[in-house]
All heavy atoms as atom14 arrays in JSON, in Angstrom:
{
  "sequence": "RGYGEQLLRRPAPAPQDERLLEAFERKGISSTPYARS",
  "atom14_mask": [
    [1, 1, 1, 1, 1, 1, 1, 1, 1, 1, 1, 0, 0, 0],
    [1, 1, 1, 1, 0, 0, 0, 0, 0, 0, 0, 0, 0, 0],
    [1, 1, 1, 1, 1, 1, 1, 1, 1, 1, 1, 1, 0, 0],
    [1, 1, 1, 1, 0, 0, 0, 0, 0, 0, 0, 0, 0, 0],
    [1, 1, 1, 1, 1, 1, 1, 1, 1, 0, 0, 0, 0, 0],
    [1, 1, 1, 1, 1, 1, 1, 1, 1, 0, 0, 0, 0, 0],
    [1, 1, 1, 1, 1, 1, 1, 1, 0, 0, 0, 0, 0, 0],
    [1, 1, 1, 1, 1, 1, 1, 1, 0, 0, 0, 0, 0, 0],
    [1, 1, 1, 1, 1, 1, 1, 1, 1, 1, 1, 0, 0, 0],
    [1, 1, 1, 1, 1, 1, 1, 1, 1, 1, 1, 0, 0, 0],
    [1, 1, 1, 1, 1, 1, 1, 0, 0, 0, 0, 0, 0, 0],
    [1, 1, 1, 1, 1, 0, 0, 0, 0, 0, 0, 0, 0, 0],
    [1, 1, 1, 1, 1, 1, 1, 0, 0, 0, 0, 0, 0, 0],
    [1, 1, 1, 1, 1, 0, 0, 0, 0, 0, 0, 0, 0, 0],
    [1, 1, 1, 1, 1, 1, 1, 0, 0, 0, 0, 0, 0, 0],
    [1, 1, 1, 1, 1, 1, 1, 1, 1, 0, 0, 0, 0, 0],
    [1, 1, 1, 1, 1, 1, 1, 1, 0, 0, 0, 0, 0, 0],
    [1, 1, 1, 1, 1, 1, 1, 1, 1, 0, 0, 0, 0, 0],
    [1, 1, 1, 1, 1, 1, 1, 1, 1, 1, 1, 0, 0, 0],
    [1, 1, 1, 1, 1, 1, 1, 1, 0, 0, 0, 0, 0, 0],
    [1, 1, 1, 1, 1, 1, 1, 1, 0, 0, 0, 0, 0, 0],
    [1, 1, 1, 1, 1, 1, 1, 1, 1, 0, 0, 0, 0, 0],
    [1, 1, 1, 1, 1, 0, 0, 0, 0, 0, 0, 0, 0, 0],
    [1, 1, 1, 1, 1, 1, 1, 1, 1, 1, 1, 0, 0, 0],
    [1, 1, 1, 1, 1, 1, 1, 1, 1, 0, 0, 0, 0, 0],
    [1, 1, 1, 1, 1, 1, 1, 1, 1, 1, 1, 0, 0, 0],
    [1, 1, 1, 1, 1, 1, 1, 1, 1, 0, 0, 0, 0, 0],
    [1, 1, 1, 1, 0, 0, 0, 0, 0, 0, 0, 0, 0, 0],
    [1, 1, 1, 1, 1, 1, 1, 1, 0, 0, 0, 0, 0, 0],
    [1, 1, 1, 1, 1, 1, 0, 0, 0, 0, 0, 0, 0, 0],
    [1, 1, 1, 1, 1, 1, 0, 0, 0, 0, 0, 0, 0, 0],
    [1, 1, 1, 1, 1, 1, 1, 0, 0, 0, 0, 0, 0, 0],
    [1, 1, 1, 1, 1, 1, 1, 0, 0, 0, 0, 0, 0, 0],
    [1, 1, 1, 1, 1, 1, 1, 1, 1, 1, 1, 1, 0, 0],
    [1, 1, 1, 1, 1, 0, 0, 0, 0, 0, 0, 0, 0, 0],
    [1, 1, 1, 1, 1, 1, 1, 1, 1, 1, 1, 0, 0, 0],
    [1, 1, 1, 1, 1, 1, 0, 0, 0, 0, 0, 0, 0, 0]
  ],
  "atom14_positions": [
    [[-165.03, -14.65, -65.27], [-164.54, -13.62, -64.35], [-163.58, -14.21, -63.33], [-163.9, -15.19, -62.66], [-165.71, -12.94, -63.63], [-165.3, -11.74, -62.78], [-166.51, -11.04, -62.21], [-166.15, -9.87, -61.42], [-165.91, -8.66, -61.92], [-166.01, -8.48, -63.21], [-165.57, -7.66, -61.14], [0.0, 0.0, 0.0], [0.0, 0.0, 0.0], [0.0, 0.0, 0.0]],
    [[-162.39, -13.67, -63.24], [-161.38, -14.18, -62.32], [-160.43, -15.19, -62.94], [-159.38, -15.48, -62.39], [0.0, 0.0, 0.0], [0.0, 0.0, 0.0], [0.0, 0.0, 0.0], [0.0, 0.0, 0.0], [0.0, 0.0, 0.0], [0.0, 0.0, 0.0], [0.0, 0.0, 0.0], [0.0, 0.0, 0.0], [0.0, 0.0, 0.0], [0.0, 0.0, 0.0]],
    [[-160.81, -15.73, -64.11], [-159.97, -16.76, -64.73], [-158.66, -16.17, -65.24], [-157.59, -16.79, -65.11], [-160.71, -17.42, -65.89], [-159.87, -18.44, -66.62], [-159.6, -19.67, -66.06], [-159.37, -18.17, -67.89], [-158.84, -20.62, -66.74], [-158.6, -19.09, -68.58], [-158.34, -20.3, -67.98], [-157.57, -21.24, -68.66], [0.0, 0.0, 0.0], [0.0, 0.0, 0.0]],
    [[-158.71, -14.96, -65.82], [-157.49, -14.34, -66.33], [-156.49, -14.09, -65.23], [-155.29, -14.38, -65.4], [0.0, 0.0, 0.0], [0.0, 0.0, 0.0], [0.0, 0.0, 0.0], [0.0, 0.0, 0.0], [0.0, 0.0, 0.0], [0.0, 0.0, 0.0], [0.0, 0.0, 0.0], [0.0, 0.0, 0.0], [0.0, 0.0, 0.0], [0.0, 0.0, 0.0]],
    [[-156.93, -13.59, -64.1], [-156.03, -13.35, -62.98], [-155.47, -14.66, -62.45], [-154.28, -14.75, -62.09], [-156.77, -12.62, -61.87], [-157.24, -11.21, -62.26], [-157.95, -10.51, -61.12], [-157.52, -10.69, -59.96], [-158.92, -9.81, -61.38], [0.0, 0.0, 0.0], [0.0, 0.0, 0.0], [0.0, 0.0, 0.0], [0.0, 0.0, 0.0], [0.0, 0.0, 0.0]],
    [[-156.29, -15.7, -62.4], [-155.81, -17.02, -61.97], [-154.75, -17.55, -62.93], [-153.74, -18.13, -62.52], [-156.97, -18.01, -61.88], [-156.6, -19.39, -61.41], [-157.72, -20.39, -61.57], [-157.76, -21.15, -62.52], [-158.65, -20.38, -60.63], [0.0, 0.0, 0.0], [0.0, 0.0, 0.0], [0.0, 0.0, 0.0], [0.0, 0.0, 0.0], [0.0, 0.0, 0.0]],
    [[-154.96, -17.32, -64.23], [-154.02, -17.8, -65.24], [-152.67, -17.15, -65.06], [-151.63, -17.82, -65.2], [-154.6, -17.48, -66.63], [-153.87, -18.09, -67.84], [-154.04, -19.59, -67.85], [-154.45, -17.49, -69.12], [0.0, 0.0, 0.0], [0.0, 0.0, 0.0], [0.0, 0.0, 0.0], [0.0, 0.0, 0.0], [0.0, 0.0, 0.0], [0.0, 0.0, 0.0]],
    [[-152.65, -15.86, -64.75], [-151.37, -15.15, -64.6], [-150.61, -15.59, -63.36], [-149.38, -15.4, -63.29], [-151.61, -13.64, -64.55], [-152.17, -12.99, -65.81], [-152.22, -11.49, -65.65], [-151.32, -13.37, -67.04], [0.0, 0.0, 0.0], [0.0, 0.0, 0.0], [0.0, 0.0, 0.0], [0.0, 0.0, 0.0], [0.0, 0.0, 0.0], [0.0, 0.0, 0.0]],
    [[-151.28, -16.19, -62.4], [-150.59, -16.67, -61.19], [-149.87, -17.99, -61.45], [-149.03, -18.4, -60.65], [-151.58, -16.82, -60.03], [-152.08, -15.49, -59.49], [-152.73, -15.67, -58.14], [-153.99, -16.42, -58.23], [-155.19, -15.86, -58.4], [-155.28, -14.54, -58.49], [-156.27, -16.61, -58.47], [0.0, 0.0, 0.0], [0.0, 0.0, 0.0], [0.0, 0.0, 0.0]],
    [[-150.19, -18.65, -62.55], [-149.51, -19.92, -62.85], [-148.18, -19.64, -63.57], [-148.04, -18.64, -64.27], [-150.38, -20.78, -63.79], [-151.78, -21.06, -63.29], [-152.51, -21.86, -64.34], [-153.94, -21.95, -64.11], [-154.82, -22.42, -64.97], [-154.38, -22.85, -66.16], [-156.1, -22.46, -64.68], [0.0, 0.0, 0.0], [0.0, 0.0, 0.0], [0.0, 0.0, 0.0]],
    [[-147.21, -20.53, -63.42], [-145.98, -20.4, -64.22], [-146.3, -20.52, -65.71], [-147.16, -21.29, -66.12], [-145.1, -21.56, -63.74], [-145.68, -21.97, -62.43], [-147.17, -21.68, -62.5], [0.0, 0.0, 0.0], [0.0, 0.0, 0.0], [0.0, 0.0, 0.0], [0.0, 0.0, 0.0], [0.0, 0.0, 0.0], [0.0, 0.0, 0.0], [0.0, 0.0, 0.0]],
    [[-145.64, -19.72, -66.52], [-145.84, -19.79, -67.96], [-145.31, -21.13, -68.49], [-144.16, -21.47, -68.23], [-145.14, -18.64, -68.67], [0.0, 0.0, 0.0], [0.0, 0.0, 0.0], [0.0, 0.0, 0.0], [0.0, 0.0, 0.0], [0.0, 0.0, 0.0], [0.0, 0.0, 0.0], [0.0, 0.0, 0.0], [0.0, 0.0, 0.0], [0.0, 0.0, 0.0]],
    [[-146.14, -21.92, -69.17], [-145.65, -23.19, -69.69], [-144.64, -22.97, -70.81], [-144.67, -21.93, -71.49], [-146.92, -23.86, -70.24], [-147.84, -22.73, -70.53], [-147.55, -21.66, -69.53], [0.0, 0.0, 0.0], [0.0, 0.0, 0.0], [0.0, 0.0, 0.0], [0.0, 0.0, 0.0], [0.0, 0.0, 0.0], [0.0, 0.0, 0.0], [0.0, 0.0, 0.0]],
    [[-143.73, -23.94, -70.98], [-142.69, -23.82, -72.01], [-142.5, -25.18, -72.68], [-142.57, -26.21, -72.03], [-141.4, -23.33, -71.41], [0.0, 0.0, 0.0], [0.0, 0.0, 0.0], [0.0, 0.0, 0.0], [0.0, 0.0, 0.0], [0.0, 0.0, 0.0], [0.0, 0.0, 0.0], [0.0, 0.0, 0.0], [0.0, 0.0, 0.0], [0.0, 0.0, 0.0]],
    [[-142.22, -25.19, -73.98], [-141.98, -26.45, -74.68], [-140.57, -26.95, -74.39], [-139.76, -26.27, -73.73], [-142.11, -26.07, -76.15], [-141.72, -24.62, -76.19], [-142.16, -24.03, -74.89], [0.0, 0.0, 0.0], [0.0, 0.0, 0.0], [0.0, 0.0, 0.0], [0.0, 0.0, 0.0], [0.0, 0.0, 0.0], [0.0, 0.0, 0.0], [0.0, 0.0, 0.0]],
    [[-140.26, -28.14, -74.86], [-138.91, -28.7, -74.7], [-137.9, -27.83, -75.45], [-138.2, -27.29, -76.52], [-138.85, -30.13, -75.22], [-139.71, -31.1, -74.42], [-139.65, -32.51, -74.99], [-139.25, -32.72, -76.13], [-140.07, -33.48, -74.19], [0.0, 0.0, 0.0], [0.0, 0.0, 0.0], [0.0, 0.0, 0.0], [0.0, 0.0, 0.0], [0.0, 0.0, 0.0]],
    [[-136.71, -27.72, -74.9], [-135.68, -26.88, -75.5], [-135.38, -27.29, -76.95], [-135.18, -26.42, -77.82], [-134.39, -26.98, -74.69], [-134.5, -26.24, -73.34], [-135.52, -25.53, -73.15], [-133.59, -26.37, -72.52], [0.0, 0.0, 0.0], [0.0, 0.0, 0.0], [0.0, 0.0, 0.0], [0.0, 0.0, 0.0], [0.0, 0.0, 0.0], [0.0, 0.0, 0.0]],
    [[-135.35, -28.58, -77.22], [-135.03, -29.04, -78.57], [-136.02, -28.53, -79.6], [-135.67, -28.04, -80.66], [-134.96, -30.57, -78.6], [-134.55, -31.15, -79.94], [-134.47, -32.68, -79.91], [-134.56, -33.26, -78.81], [-134.3, -33.27, -80.99], [0.0, 0.0, 0.0], [0.0, 0.0, 0.0], [0.0, 0.0, 0.0], [0.0, 0.0, 0.0], [0.0, 0.0, 0.0]],
    [[-137.32, -28.65, -79.27], [-138.35, -28.17, -80.18], [-138.28, -26.65, -80.34], [-138.48, -26.11, -81.41], [-139.74, -28.59, -79.68], [-140.02, -30.07, -79.69], [-141.39, -30.37, -79.14], [-142.41, -29.65, -79.9], [-143.42, -29.0, -79.32], [-143.53, -28.94, -78.01], [-144.33, -28.39, -80.06], [0.0, 0.0, 0.0], [0.0, 0.0, 0.0], [0.0, 0.0, 0.0]],
    [[-138.01, -25.99, -79.23], [-137.96, -24.54, -79.25], [-136.79, -24.05, -80.11], [-136.94, -23.09, -80.89], [-137.83, -24.02, -77.82], [-138.08, -22.5, -77.58], [-139.43, -22.1, -78.14], [-138.0, -22.21, -76.09], [0.0, 0.0, 0.0], [0.0, 0.0, 0.0], [0.0, 0.0, 0.0], [0.0, 0.0, 0.0], [0.0, 0.0, 0.0], [0.0, 0.0, 0.0]],
    [[-135.65, -24.69, -80.0], [-134.5, -24.3, -80.81], [-134.77, -24.52, -82.3], [-134.35, -23.71, -83.14], [-133.27, -25.11, -80.37], [-132.66, -24.7, -79.01], [-131.71, -25.76, -78.51], [-131.95, -23.35, -79.14], [0.0, 0.0, 0.0], [0.0, 0.0, 0.0], [0.0, 0.0, 0.0], [0.0, 0.0, 0.0], [0.0, 0.0, 0.0], [0.0, 0.0, 0.0]],
    [[-135.46, -25.59, -82.64], [-135.83, -25.82, -84.04], [-136.72, -24.7, -84.56], [-136.56, -24.24, -85.69], [-136.52, -27.16, -84.18], [-135.62, -28.37, -83.93], [-136.38, -29.68, -83.95], [-137.63, -29.64, -84.07], [-135.75, -30.75, -83.84], [0.0, 0.0, 0.0], [0.0, 0.0, 0.0], [0.0, 0.0, 0.0], [0.0, 0.0, 0.0], [0.0, 0.0, 0.0]],
    [[-137.64, -24.25, -83.72], [-138.55, -23.17, -84.12], [-137.78, -21.85, -84.29], [-138.01, -21.1, -85.24], [-139.67, -23.0, -83.08], [0.0, 0.0, 0.0], [0.0, 0.0, 0.0], [0.0, 0.0, 0.0], [0.0, 0.0, 0.0], [0.0, 0.0, 0.0], [0.0, 0.0, 0.0], [0.0, 0.0, 0.0], [0.0, 0.0, 0.0], [0.0, 0.0, 0.0]],
    [[-136.87, -21.58, -83.39], [-136.05, -20.37, -83.52], [-135.27, -20.38, -84.82], [-135.15, -19.35, -85.51], [-135.08, -20.25, -82.33], [-135.71, -19.7, -81.09], [-135.56, -20.33, -79.87], [-136.44, -18.53, -81.13], [-136.14, -19.83, -78.7], [-137.03, -18.0, -79.99], [-136.89, -18.65, -78.79], [0.0, 0.0, 0.0], [0.0, 0.0, 0.0], [0.0, 0.0, 0.0]],
    [[-134.72, -21.53, -85.17], [-133.95, -21.62, -86.41], [-134.83, -21.39, -87.63], [-134.46, -20.68, -88.55], [-133.26, -22.98, -86.5], [-132.32, -23.1, -87.69], [-131.51, -24.39, -87.66], [-131.85, -25.29, -86.84], [-130.57, -24.5, -88.46], [0.0, 0.0, 0.0], [0.0, 0.0, 0.0], [0.0, 0.0, 0.0], [0.0, 0.0, 0.0], [0.0, 0.0, 0.0]],
    [[-136.05, -21.96, -87.62], [-136.97, -21.77, -88.74], [-137.37, -20.3, -88.89], [-137.51, -19.81, -90.0], [-138.23, -22.63, -88.56], [-138.02, -24.1, -88.76], [-139.38, -24.8, -88.95], [-140.3, -24.51, -87.85], [-140.38, -25.23, -86.74], [-139.59, -26.27, -86.57], [-141.25, -24.92, -85.79], [0.0, 0.0, 0.0], [0.0, 0.0, 0.0], [0.0, 0.0, 0.0]],
    [[-137.57, -19.64, -87.74], [-138.03, -18.24, -87.78], [-136.87, -17.25, -87.96], [-137.11, -16.07, -88.16], [-138.76, -17.91, -86.49], [-139.99, -18.77, -86.21], [-141.09, -18.53, -87.19], [-142.33, -19.34, -86.81], [-143.47, -19.12, -87.75], [0.0, 0.0, 0.0], [0.0, 0.0, 0.0], [0.0, 0.0, 0.0], [0.0, 0.0, 0.0], [0.0, 0.0, 0.0]],
    [[-135.63, -17.74, -87.9], [-134.48, -16.83, -88.04], [-134.28, -15.93, -86.84], [-134.01, -14.75, -86.99], [0.0, 0.0, 0.0], [0.0, 0.0, 0.0], [0.0, 0.0, 0.0], [0.0, 0.0, 0.0], [0.0, 0.0, 0.0], [0.0, 0.0, 0.0], [0.0, 0.0, 0.0], [0.0, 0.0, 0.0], [0.0, 0.0, 0.0], [0.0, 0.0, 0.0]],
    [[-134.43, -16.5, -85.62], [-134.33, -15.73, -84.38], [-133.29, -16.36, -83.48], [-133.31, -17.58, -83.26], [-135.69, -15.66, -83.66], [-136.73, -15.01, -84.57], [-135.59, -14.91, -82.35], [-138.13, -15.05, -83.99], [0.0, 0.0, 0.0], [0.0, 0.0, 0.0], [0.0, 0.0, 0.0], [0.0, 0.0, 0.0], [0.0, 0.0, 0.0], [0.0, 0.0, 0.0]],
    [[-132.43, -15.57, -82.9], [-131.45, -16.06, -81.92], [-132.17, -16.44, -80.64], [-133.08, -15.75, -80.19], [-130.41, -14.98, -81.64], [-129.58, -15.36, -80.55], [0.0, 0.0, 0.0], [0.0, 0.0, 0.0], [0.0, 0.0, 0.0], [0.0, 0.0, 0.0], [0.0, 0.0, 0.0], [0.0, 0.0, 0.0], [0.0, 0.0, 0.0], [0.0, 0.0, 0.0]],
    [[-131.77, -17.57, -80.03], [-132.42, -18.03, -78.8], [-131.8, -17.41, -77.54], [-132.39, -17.49, -76.46], [-132.34, -19.56, -78.69], [-131.0, -20.0, -78.7], [0.0, 0.0, 0.0], [0.0, 0.0, 0.0], [0.0, 0.0, 0.0], [0.0, 0.0, 0.0], [0.0, 0.0, 0.0], [0.0, 0.0, 0.0], [0.0, 0.0, 0.0], [0.0, 0.0, 0.0]],
    [[-130.63, -16.81, -77.67], [-129.94, -16.3, -76.48], [-130.7, -15.18, -75.77], [-130.84, -15.19, -74.53], [-128.52, -15.84, -76.83], [-127.79, -16.96, -77.35], [-127.79, -15.27, -75.63], [0.0, 0.0, 0.0], [0.0, 0.0, 0.0], [0.0, 0.0, 0.0], [0.0, 0.0, 0.0], [0.0, 0.0, 0.0], [0.0, 0.0, 0.0], [0.0, 0.0, 0.0]],
    [[-131.26, -14.18, -76.47], [-132.02, -13.14, -75.76], [-133.19, -13.7, -74.97], [-133.47, -13.26, -73.85], [-132.48, -12.2, -76.89], [-131.47, -12.4, -77.97], [-131.1, -13.83, -77.91], [0.0, 0.0, 0.0], [0.0, 0.0, 0.0], [0.0, 0.0, 0.0], [0.0, 0.0, 0.0], [0.0, 0.0, 0.0], [0.0, 0.0, 0.0], [0.0, 0.0, 0.0]],
    [[-133.87, -14.67, -75.55], [-134.99, -15.31, -74.84], [-134.47, -16.02, -73.59], [-135.04, -15.89, -72.49], [-135.69, -16.3, -75.77], [-136.62, -17.26, -75.06], [-137.86, -16.87, -74.59], [-136.25, -18.61, -74.88], [-138.72, -17.75, -73.95], [-137.09, -19.5, -74.24], [-138.32, -19.06, -73.76], [-139.15, -19.96, -73.13], [0.0, 0.0, 0.0], [0.0, 0.0, 0.0]],
    [[-133.38, -16.77, -73.74], [-132.82, -17.5, -72.61], [-132.4, -16.54, -71.49], [-132.64, -16.77, -70.32], [-131.63, -18.35, -73.07], [0.0, 0.0, 0.0], [0.0, 0.0, 0.0], [0.0, 0.0, 0.0], [0.0, 0.0, 0.0], [0.0, 0.0, 0.0], [0.0, 0.0, 0.0], [0.0, 0.0, 0.0], [0.0, 0.0, 0.0], [0.0, 0.0, 0.0]],
    [[-131.71, -15.44, -71.87], [-131.26, -14.48, -70.86], [-132.43, -13.77, -70.15], [-132.31, -13.37, -68.99], [-130.36, -13.43, -71.52], [-129.04, -13.97, -72.03], [-128.13, -14.37, -70.91], [-126.81, -14.8, -71.4], [-125.86, -15.27, -70.63], [-126.06, -15.41, -69.34], [-124.68, -15.62, -71.16], [0.0, 0.0, 0.0], [0.0, 0.0, 0.0], [0.0, 0.0, 0.0]],
    [[-133.57, -13.65, -70.84], [-134.74, -13.04, -70.19], [-135.32, -13.96, -69.14], [-135.97, -13.52, -68.19], [-135.8, -12.67, -71.24], [-136.43, -13.84, -71.74], [0.0, 0.0, 0.0], [0.0, 0.0, 0.0], [0.0, 0.0, 0.0], [0.0, 0.0, 0.0], [0.0, 0.0, 0.0], [0.0, 0.0, 0.0], [0.0, 0.0, 0.0], [0.0, 0.0, 0.0]]
  ]
}
C-alpha cells in the first residue's frame, strides 16, 4: 500500500540511447515520436 504512488513520483528510468535505437529498428518503429514526447 502506497508503493505504487511512490513509484509514480520517481522519474521513469530509460535505457541508453544506443540500445533503445537498436530495439526500435528490430521492432520496425520510428524513434522520433518517442523522442518528441
